[in-house]
Every structure is written in C-alpha cells, then in structure tokens.
Protein backbone atom coordinates (compact mmCIF):
# COMPACT_ATOMS: atom_id res chain seq x y z
CA MET A 1 -4.91 -1.42 42.54
CA SER A 2 -3.68 -4.58 44.19
CA ARG A 3 -4.01 -5.27 47.85
CA ILE A 4 -1.34 -7.10 49.86
CA ASN A 5 -1.25 -7.67 53.58
CA GLY A 6 1.85 -7.35 55.72
CA ASN A 7 3.26 -10.65 54.48
CA GLY A 8 2.17 -10.43 50.85
CA ASP A 9 -0.20 -13.32 51.78
CA PRO A 10 -3.77 -12.27 52.64
CA ASP A 11 -4.70 -15.63 54.18
CA ARG A 12 -1.76 -16.22 56.53
CA LEU A 13 -2.64 -16.21 60.22
CA TYR A 14 -0.41 -15.22 63.10
CA PRO A 15 -0.26 -17.19 66.34
CA ALA A 16 -2.15 -15.71 69.31
CA GLN A 17 0.81 -16.32 71.60
CA THR A 18 3.85 -14.07 71.40
CA ARG A 19 7.42 -14.86 72.30
CA ARG A 20 7.71 -11.94 74.66
CA LEU A 21 5.05 -10.20 76.67
CA PRO A 22 4.47 -6.49 75.83
CA SER A 23 5.23 -3.99 78.58
CA PRO A 24 2.01 -2.88 80.36
CA GLY A 25 0.67 0.35 78.91
CA LYS A 26 3.19 0.54 76.05
CA ALA A 27 1.94 0.92 72.50
CA THR A 28 2.34 -2.09 70.19
CA ILE A 29 1.89 -2.75 66.49
CA LEU A 30 -1.00 -5.22 66.15
CA ALA A 31 -1.24 -5.64 62.32
CA LEU A 32 0.24 -4.28 59.10
CA GLY A 33 -1.08 -3.98 55.59
CA LYS A 34 0.27 -2.72 52.24
CA ALA A 35 -1.25 -1.66 48.85
CA PHE A 36 0.18 -0.56 45.55
CA PRO A 37 -0.99 0.71 42.15
CA SER A 38 -1.42 -1.94 39.49
CA GLN A 39 1.47 -0.75 37.32
CA LEU A 40 4.80 -2.33 38.23
CA ILE A 41 7.87 -0.94 36.48
CA PRO A 42 11.16 -2.84 36.31
CA GLN A 43 14.02 -0.41 36.66
CA GLU A 44 15.57 -1.54 33.35
CA CYS A 45 12.46 -0.35 31.55
CA LEU A 46 12.20 3.01 33.23
CA VAL A 47 14.65 5.05 31.15
CA GLU A 48 13.11 4.29 27.78
CA GLY A 49 9.58 4.89 29.12
CA TYR A 50 10.43 8.16 30.88
CA ILE A 51 12.36 9.56 27.89
CA ARG A 52 9.53 8.54 25.54
CA ASP A 53 6.75 9.90 27.75
CA THR A 54 8.47 13.28 28.33
CA LYS A 55 9.53 13.56 24.64
CA CYS A 56 13.11 14.21 25.74
CA VAL A 57 15.63 14.34 22.86
CA ASP A 58 18.76 15.14 24.85
CA SER A 59 21.02 12.11 24.83
CA SER A 60 23.08 13.42 27.72
CA ILE A 61 19.98 13.46 30.01
CA LYS A 62 19.21 9.90 28.95
CA GLU A 63 22.75 8.76 29.77
CA LYS A 64 22.61 10.46 33.18
CA LEU A 65 19.31 8.81 34.02
CA GLU A 66 20.71 5.43 33.03
CA ARG A 67 23.63 5.90 35.43
CA LEU A 68 21.32 7.04 38.23
CA CYS A 69 19.01 4.05 37.75
CA LYS A 70 21.98 1.76 38.28
CA THR A 71 23.32 3.52 41.38
CA THR A 72 19.97 3.68 43.26
CA THR A 73 19.95 -0.13 43.60
CA VAL A 74 16.16 -0.09 42.89
CA LYS A 75 14.94 -3.09 40.88
CA THR A 76 11.16 -2.54 40.74
CA ARG A 77 8.65 0.16 41.61
CA TYR A 78 4.90 0.67 41.49
CA THR A 79 3.48 3.82 39.93
CA VAL A 80 0.12 5.56 39.47
CA MET A 81 1.28 7.28 36.33
CA SER A 82 0.26 5.39 33.24
CA LYS A 83 -0.04 5.70 29.44
CA GLU A 84 -3.78 6.34 29.90
CA ILE A 85 -3.17 9.25 32.28
CA LEU A 86 -0.67 10.87 29.88
CA GLU A 87 -3.06 10.48 27.00
CA LYS A 88 -5.80 12.21 29.01
CA TYR A 89 -3.42 14.85 30.48
CA PRO A 90 -0.59 15.39 27.94
CA GLU A 91 0.18 18.73 29.50
CA LEU A 92 1.79 16.86 32.43
CA ALA A 93 4.73 16.14 30.21
CA THR A 94 5.00 19.68 28.87
CA GLU A 95 7.56 22.05 30.44
CA GLY A 96 6.07 25.03 32.30
CA SER A 97 2.41 23.92 32.08
CA PRO A 98 0.24 25.06 35.02
CA THR A 99 -1.03 21.58 35.95
CA ILE A 100 -1.64 21.54 39.68
CA LYS A 101 -5.40 21.15 39.15
CA GLN A 102 -4.93 18.14 36.87
CA ARG A 103 -2.36 16.56 39.14
CA LEU A 104 -4.72 16.73 42.14
CA GLU A 105 -7.53 15.30 40.06
CA ILE A 106 -5.32 12.23 39.64
CA ALA A 107 -3.53 12.15 43.04
CA ASN A 108 -6.37 12.74 45.46
CA PRO A 109 -8.47 9.72 44.49
CA ALA A 110 -5.41 7.51 43.86
CA VAL A 111 -3.96 8.24 47.30
CA LEU A 112 -7.31 7.55 48.95
CA GLU A 113 -7.80 4.28 47.07
CA MET A 114 -4.36 2.96 48.05
CA ALA A 115 -4.89 4.06 51.68
CA LYS A 116 -8.22 2.26 51.76
CA GLU A 117 -6.83 -0.99 50.35
CA ALA A 118 -3.88 -0.98 52.72
CA SER A 119 -6.23 -0.28 55.68
CA LEU A 120 -8.59 -3.06 54.68
CA ALA A 121 -5.69 -5.48 54.49
CA CYS A 122 -4.46 -4.32 57.89
CA ILE A 123 -7.92 -4.59 59.50
CA LYS A 124 -8.31 -8.10 58.06
CA GLU A 125 -5.01 -9.18 59.64
CA TRP A 126 -5.99 -7.55 62.91
CA GLY A 127 -9.15 -9.61 63.04
CA ARG A 128 -11.44 -7.13 64.81
CA PRO A 129 -14.29 -4.98 63.41
CA ALA A 130 -13.46 -1.62 61.88
CA GLN A 131 -15.90 -0.07 64.34
CA ASP A 132 -13.46 -0.91 67.12
CA ILE A 133 -10.97 1.68 65.69
CA THR A 134 -11.12 4.77 67.99
CA HIS A 135 -8.60 7.04 66.17
CA ILE A 136 -7.04 7.46 62.75
CA VAL A 137 -3.76 9.09 61.83
CA TYR A 138 -3.53 9.87 58.13
CA VAL A 139 -0.15 10.69 56.60
CA SER A 140 0.48 11.91 53.04
CA SER A 141 2.60 14.40 51.07
CA SER A 142 0.68 13.61 47.92
CA GLU A 143 -2.82 15.10 48.26
CA ILE A 144 -4.31 18.51 48.94
CA ARG A 145 -7.96 19.02 49.73
CA LEU A 146 -10.51 19.99 52.39
CA PRO A 147 -11.90 17.92 53.98
CA GLY A 148 -8.77 15.79 53.91
CA GLY A 149 -8.18 12.14 53.19
CA ASP A 150 -8.60 11.30 56.87
CA LEU A 151 -12.33 12.04 56.65
CA HIS A 152 -12.80 10.40 53.29
CA LEU A 153 -11.02 7.23 54.47
CA SER A 154 -12.97 7.08 57.73
CA SER A 155 -16.20 7.28 55.79
CA GLN A 156 -15.24 4.65 53.21
CA LEU A 157 -14.00 2.21 55.84
CA GLY A 158 -17.25 2.63 57.82
CA LEU A 159 -15.54 3.93 60.94
CA ARG A 160 -17.69 5.41 63.67
CA SER A 161 -18.54 9.10 63.30
CA ASP A 162 -16.78 10.03 66.54
CA VAL A 163 -13.46 8.54 65.52
CA GLY A 164 -10.61 10.87 66.50
CA ARG A 165 -8.76 12.06 63.41
CA VAL A 166 -5.27 13.43 62.99
CA MET A 167 -3.95 14.51 59.59
CA LEU A 168 -0.21 14.82 58.92
CA TYR A 169 0.55 16.51 55.56
CA PHE A 170 3.83 17.17 53.75
CA LEU A 171 6.34 15.71 56.19
CA GLY A 172 8.11 13.80 53.47
CA CYS A 173 10.18 10.74 54.16
CA TYR A 174 10.00 10.85 57.99
CA GLY A 175 6.18 11.01 58.00
CA GLY A 176 5.66 7.30 58.73
CA VAL A 177 7.75 7.40 61.84
CA THR A 178 6.05 10.61 62.97
CA GLY A 179 2.75 8.84 62.50
CA LEU A 180 3.99 6.01 64.74
CA ARG A 181 5.06 8.52 67.41
CA VAL A 182 1.68 10.27 67.34
CA ALA A 183 -0.23 6.96 67.37
CA LYS A 184 1.94 5.78 70.26
CA ASP A 185 1.05 8.90 72.31
CA ILE A 186 -2.64 8.46 71.58
CA ALA A 187 -2.61 4.73 72.48
CA GLU A 188 -0.73 5.21 75.73
CA ASN A 189 -2.88 8.11 76.91
CA ASN A 190 -6.27 6.64 75.93
CA PRO A 191 -6.63 3.24 77.56
CA GLY A 192 -8.42 0.73 75.26
CA SER A 193 -7.95 2.87 72.14
CA ARG A 194 -7.06 1.34 68.80
CA ILE A 195 -5.44 3.63 66.22
CA LEU A 196 -5.36 3.05 62.49
CA LEU A 197 -2.26 4.74 61.06
CA THR A 198 -2.19 4.94 57.26
CA THR A 199 0.33 6.40 54.86
CA SER A 200 -0.19 6.87 51.15
CA GLU A 201 1.99 8.46 48.52
CA THR A 202 2.23 9.00 44.75
CA THR A 203 4.83 10.79 42.60
CA ILE A 204 2.12 12.43 40.41
CA LEU A 205 2.67 15.87 41.98
CA GLY A 206 6.34 15.79 41.04
CA PHE A 207 6.26 14.21 37.61
CA ARG A 208 7.63 16.47 34.91
CA PRO A 209 9.93 16.48 31.86
CA PRO A 210 13.66 16.61 32.60
CA ASN A 211 15.48 19.94 32.66
CA LYS A 212 19.23 20.49 33.11
CA GLU A 213 18.41 23.36 35.49
CA ARG A 214 16.59 20.83 37.77
CA PRO A 215 19.03 17.92 38.11
CA TYR A 216 17.20 16.47 41.06
CA ASP A 217 14.21 15.66 38.88
CA LEU A 218 16.27 12.84 37.41
CA VAL A 219 17.11 11.51 40.87
CA GLY A 220 13.43 11.46 41.69
CA ALA A 221 12.60 9.67 38.45
CA ALA A 222 15.26 7.02 39.24
CA LEU A 223 14.43 6.54 42.96
CA PHE A 224 10.79 7.19 43.99
CA GLY A 225 7.74 5.00 43.79
CA ASP A 226 4.08 4.92 44.81
CA GLY A 227 2.12 2.91 47.40
CA ALA A 228 0.44 2.86 50.76
CA ALA A 229 0.74 1.20 54.15
CA ALA A 230 -1.34 0.84 57.32
CA VAL A 231 -0.83 -0.39 60.83
CA ILE A 232 -3.06 -0.83 63.88
CA ILE A 233 -1.56 0.53 67.13
CA GLY A 234 -2.78 -0.20 70.67
CA SER A 235 -1.57 -0.86 74.18
CA ASN A 236 -2.42 -3.85 76.41
CA PRO A 237 -3.32 -6.25 73.57
CA LEU A 238 -6.27 -8.58 74.13
CA THR A 239 -4.95 -12.11 74.76
CA GLY A 240 -6.22 -14.50 72.18
CA GLN A 241 -7.69 -11.80 70.03
CA GLU A 242 -4.73 -9.62 69.04
CA SER A 243 -1.17 -10.57 68.01
CA PRO A 244 1.30 -7.77 68.68
CA PHE A 245 4.62 -8.19 66.94
CA MET A 246 6.49 -4.99 67.93
CA GLU A 247 6.42 -2.61 70.93
CA LEU A 248 6.95 1.11 70.49
CA ASN A 249 8.98 1.74 73.63
CA TYR A 250 10.40 5.28 73.34
CA ALA A 251 10.22 7.96 70.63
CA VAL A 252 12.37 11.01 69.84
CA GLN A 253 12.14 13.73 67.13
CA GLN A 254 15.01 16.13 66.54
CA PHE A 255 15.84 18.75 63.91
CA LEU A 256 19.32 19.88 62.96
CA PRO A 257 19.62 23.66 63.32
CA GLY A 258 20.70 25.51 60.18
CA THR A 259 19.82 22.66 57.76
CA HIS A 260 16.28 23.60 56.73
CA ASN A 261 17.42 24.25 53.12
CA VAL A 262 19.16 20.91 52.64
CA ILE A 263 15.85 19.25 51.68
CA ASP A 264 13.74 21.89 49.99
CA GLY A 265 10.23 21.39 48.50
CA LYS A 266 8.03 24.03 46.92
CA LEU A 267 4.49 23.72 45.59
CA SER A 268 3.70 25.74 42.48
CA GLU A 269 1.19 25.78 39.64
CA GLU A 270 3.37 23.14 37.97
CA GLY A 271 3.28 20.69 40.88
CA ILE A 272 5.85 20.12 43.59
CA ASN A 273 9.55 20.63 43.06
CA PHE A 274 12.18 19.10 45.37
CA LYS A 275 15.86 19.85 45.82
CA LEU A 276 18.24 17.76 47.81
CA GLY A 277 21.56 19.16 48.97
CA ARG A 278 24.61 16.99 48.19
CA ASP A 279 25.60 17.25 51.83
CA LEU A 280 22.48 15.35 53.09
CA PRO A 281 24.24 12.03 53.64
CA GLN A 282 27.12 13.83 55.40
CA LYS A 283 24.75 15.75 57.72
CA ILE A 284 23.04 12.51 58.67
CA GLU A 285 26.39 10.80 59.16
CA GLU A 286 27.61 13.61 61.50
CA ASN A 287 24.62 13.40 63.80
CA ILE A 288 23.26 9.85 63.69
CA GLU A 289 25.47 8.25 66.38
CA GLU A 290 24.44 10.74 69.07
CA PHE A 291 20.81 10.46 68.11
CA CYS A 292 20.81 6.66 68.28
CA LYS A 293 22.56 6.63 71.61
CA LYS A 294 19.88 8.92 73.03
CA LEU A 295 17.22 6.30 72.09
CA MET A 296 19.36 3.38 73.28
CA LEU A 297 19.94 4.98 76.69
CA LYS A 298 16.32 4.32 77.66
CA ALA A 299 16.97 0.53 77.70
CA ASP A 300 20.62 0.79 78.80
CA LEU A 301 21.78 -0.54 75.44
CA LYS A 302 25.43 -0.04 74.41
CA GLU A 303 26.27 -2.02 71.26
CA PHE A 304 24.77 -1.01 67.87
CA ASN A 305 25.22 -4.56 66.53
CA ASP A 306 23.13 -6.00 69.37
CA LEU A 307 20.06 -4.29 67.85
CA PHE A 308 17.92 -4.91 64.80
CA TRP A 309 17.58 -1.90 62.44
CA ALA A 310 14.50 -0.62 60.52
CA VAL A 311 15.87 2.40 58.67
CA HIS A 312 14.04 4.39 56.04
CA PRO A 313 16.03 3.84 52.82
CA GLY A 314 16.19 7.36 51.49
CA GLY A 315 18.85 6.16 49.09
CA PRO A 316 21.92 3.84 49.12
CA ALA A 317 24.31 6.67 50.09
CA ILE A 318 22.47 7.32 53.34
CA LEU A 319 22.38 3.59 54.21
CA ASN A 320 26.07 3.21 53.39
CA ARG A 321 27.09 6.22 55.54
CA LEU A 322 25.00 5.00 58.49
CA GLU A 323 26.44 1.46 58.21
CA THR A 324 30.00 2.75 58.10
CA THR A 325 29.60 5.33 60.88
CA LEU A 326 27.95 2.93 63.34
CA LYS A 327 30.21 0.00 62.22
CA LEU A 328 27.13 -2.15 61.56
CA THR A 329 27.58 -5.66 60.20
CA PRO A 330 26.28 -5.96 56.57
CA ASP A 331 23.17 -7.91 57.59
CA LYS A 332 21.86 -5.15 59.87
CA LEU A 333 20.44 -2.99 57.07
CA GLU A 334 19.37 -5.88 54.82
CA CYS A 335 15.64 -5.21 55.33
CA SER A 336 16.11 -1.52 54.41
CA ARG A 337 18.11 -2.40 51.29
CA ARG A 338 15.57 -5.02 50.31
CA ALA A 339 12.66 -2.52 50.59
CA LEU A 340 14.55 -0.03 48.48
CA MET A 341 15.24 -2.65 45.85
CA ASP A 342 11.62 -3.91 45.68
CA TYR A 343 9.69 -0.66 46.01
CA GLY A 344 12.05 2.32 45.67
CA ASN A 345 11.78 5.22 48.08
CA VAL A 346 8.00 5.50 48.71
CA SER A 347 8.39 8.44 51.11
CA SER A 348 6.41 7.97 54.37
CA ASN A 349 5.35 4.44 53.49
CA THR A 350 8.80 2.90 53.13
CA ILE A 351 9.50 2.42 56.86
CA PHE A 352 6.55 0.01 57.03
CA TYR A 353 7.80 -2.03 54.09
CA VAL A 354 11.09 -2.31 56.00
CA MET A 355 9.31 -3.31 59.21
CA ASP A 356 7.28 -5.90 57.35
CA TYR A 357 10.49 -7.53 56.11
CA MET A 358 11.92 -7.13 59.59
CA ARG A 359 9.14 -9.01 61.32
CA GLU A 360 9.64 -11.93 58.98
CA GLU A 361 13.38 -11.86 59.61
CA LEU A 362 12.87 -11.80 63.34
CA LYS A 363 10.56 -14.77 63.07
CA ARG A 364 13.13 -16.73 61.10
CA SER A 365 15.81 -15.92 63.70
CA SER A 366 13.42 -16.77 66.61
CA GLY A 367 13.59 -13.20 67.83
CA ARG A 368 17.33 -13.29 68.46
CA GLU A 369 17.50 -9.54 69.03
CA GLU A 370 14.97 -8.12 71.46
CA TRP A 371 15.58 -4.42 70.89
CA GLY A 372 15.86 -2.40 67.69
CA LEU A 373 15.64 1.12 66.23
CA ALA A 374 13.19 2.48 63.65
CA LEU A 375 14.64 5.59 62.02
CA ALA A 376 13.71 8.05 59.29
CA PHE A 377 15.11 11.31 58.01
CA GLY A 378 13.49 14.19 56.11
CA PRO A 379 13.01 17.94 55.66
CA GLY A 380 14.39 19.99 58.50
CA ILE A 381 16.75 18.10 58.51
CA THR A 382 14.46 16.14 60.83
CA PHE A 383 15.42 12.85 62.57
CA GLU A 384 12.59 10.64 63.78
CA GLY A 385 13.48 7.57 65.88
CA ILE A 386 11.67 4.94 67.94
CA LEU A 387 13.28 2.37 70.27
CA VAL A 388 11.30 -0.75 69.40
CA ARG A 389 11.05 -4.17 70.95
CA SER A 390 10.38 -7.46 69.15
CA LEU A 391 7.52 -9.45 70.69
C-alpha cells in the first residue's frame, strides 16, 4: 500500500489564513488524504493481463474490451488484485465458482488497510491528535462483516472508545457525497465535533471471467479501480490550528421514481454482479438541471458557468451529457475528467480525488469562483448534491 495525502505530497503545509471566512456554524472540510494499493495498471496493459488471468480464448471479447478501454478515457488505475492473489485463489477466475468467502478474505483487510492509510494521511494534514476526532463515518461497498470496518478502523487509529460511529454500506458511486452530507449534519448539530469521513473500495468482489451473457462485466473491467480517501469535517475552525478549504453549505439527496432497476447490483455466492442500463446517462441528463437549480437557489445563483464543478466521473458519457445539457465551458469538468483518467471510477472515493484536484485548481486561480457544486449519482437512481463554497 502507498500513502498519499491530499496533494500527493505528504510534507506540504497549508497556510493558516484562508482567503474567505467560513460561515459561522457551517461544516467545512479541514483536511483530505488518499491511499491506494501498490499495484498500478496502465490502461494499455489491462487487456492482455485480464484475458490472460481469466484464461479467455474468445477473440471477440478481447476486441470488445480493447474498444471499451479506449472509450473510458482511463489511463491508469490501482488494483488490489494481483498475480499472487490469483495464484492463491485460482477459483476467482473460474466461471460459476462459489467464492464469496475467498473474496471477503481478500477484500475486508485490503479495504481496512487502505482506509487506515488514507485516514492517517488526512490526520497528518489536519495537524491535530487523532483523539480529537469525535465521530467517524465509514463508507464502503466492498466489505461485509460484523463488527464493521468502522470499529476496526477506530481501533487501529487509536480513536477514543466513545467515538460516535456511522457505517454506510453498499451505496455505490454516490456514497462519498452521502458521507459528506451525514458528516455535515453531525458537525453542525454537535458544536466542537470533528468527524473523520473515510471511503474505501476494491473491485475484488466483482472480479470474474468475461461472459457474453454479462456484457457489463467488461465495462467494469475497463472502468473501475481501487483506493481510499478520507476527510476531516468540522464547523467553526480553530484559527491558526485548522485550515479549512471548502464549506459544505447546503445538501440535497433525491431519487428518481421508477428507475431503481437502471443500476442493479446483486450479491451471490460468486461475488457481486452489477448491471447498468443503457439509459443511465439519459436519465441523468433529463433531471440534472432541475436538481442543480434546487441547490443553487440557496445562494441565489443563476449561471452554471459562474460555479466550479466537482462531479463524480461515473464515465465519460455522463460527464459529456452533463456538460452539454448545462452548457458548461470545457474547463468546468476538467477535474472530474482528470480524476477519471488517473484513477478510473473508484466508486465512493472518486469525488474526493476530484475535490483534491479542485482545491489545487482554485488555489492557482486565486479562488476566482466562490461557489460550486459537488455531485454524484448512483443506484436508485439517486442524486446526491452539495452546494459548496471555496475558502
């Protein structure tokens, strides 16, 4: 495992003074950390490795995967899966094998280790003792156990025994923004609280050999990656001790009635199997403008291009539809496209990789835009959105 803080630089310090003062009582992001497995896979190497590891001999499947790898725009991804794991568990690459036990033997400790490393990087950037954390929100769609990763992580980080714990399982791609919304509510209703929000994901549960009856497996192989992220959330930051960089001003969650089968995931003895409807980008396109306007109304904002945008990059088609529908200038989704290119779709984590790039971009532009939107979409179809403010 390799640990990286919010900047990719563990030693960089942030100034104590912020450009804008946070609103009294509003939740802010005080620090951000990231972590990844040690194995980095360039996209151009993925096809040969996947076909070899799954012993696939169907040339049409290989050709389709090659096309998908090009259209995803992904360049590199991190992965827990390795040659050593497949040598120990060859049944993972065998069609129809009941392997949920083996998958959890791999995923549970891997998810926890990444969450721990991301949290430690985040706490280091924050600059205060871990004992000052009052609550933890733990997000993952990649582990299953009792007690959950929230307790294991609290113990390994040395958090106090009365830390308030919230565990959010199997929310999929919108889980990171849900975690922000939950952490925001805790911070704003518990004065002085400091919340560690961590997300951690691996594709181990969904790895399987290709099958023409499951075409989405190839999309997953071409698009998804592994990793973790962590942020510290709190209101009324301590001057000179904490350096908030983003305010969580207003949050909304909404589901689209009649669309619960568009993103479908089922857990079985073979792992988890996902299906994505072809109409997902269209459903998002049809509803995104009204959803964004609902968030923007809170700050009396009118123009989409006056905002900065941190959008979960579920795939290039979703970003393209959103850009076209809202008539955004090409630079507005640059941070989302960059995160997709560098990490792939890492489910709940990805929004934090986008926000990490965004804070650097806002620094370079001297905080030109004050207001922005953080958005993610997932099963439901569920929209999660937060009106955010650059500090």
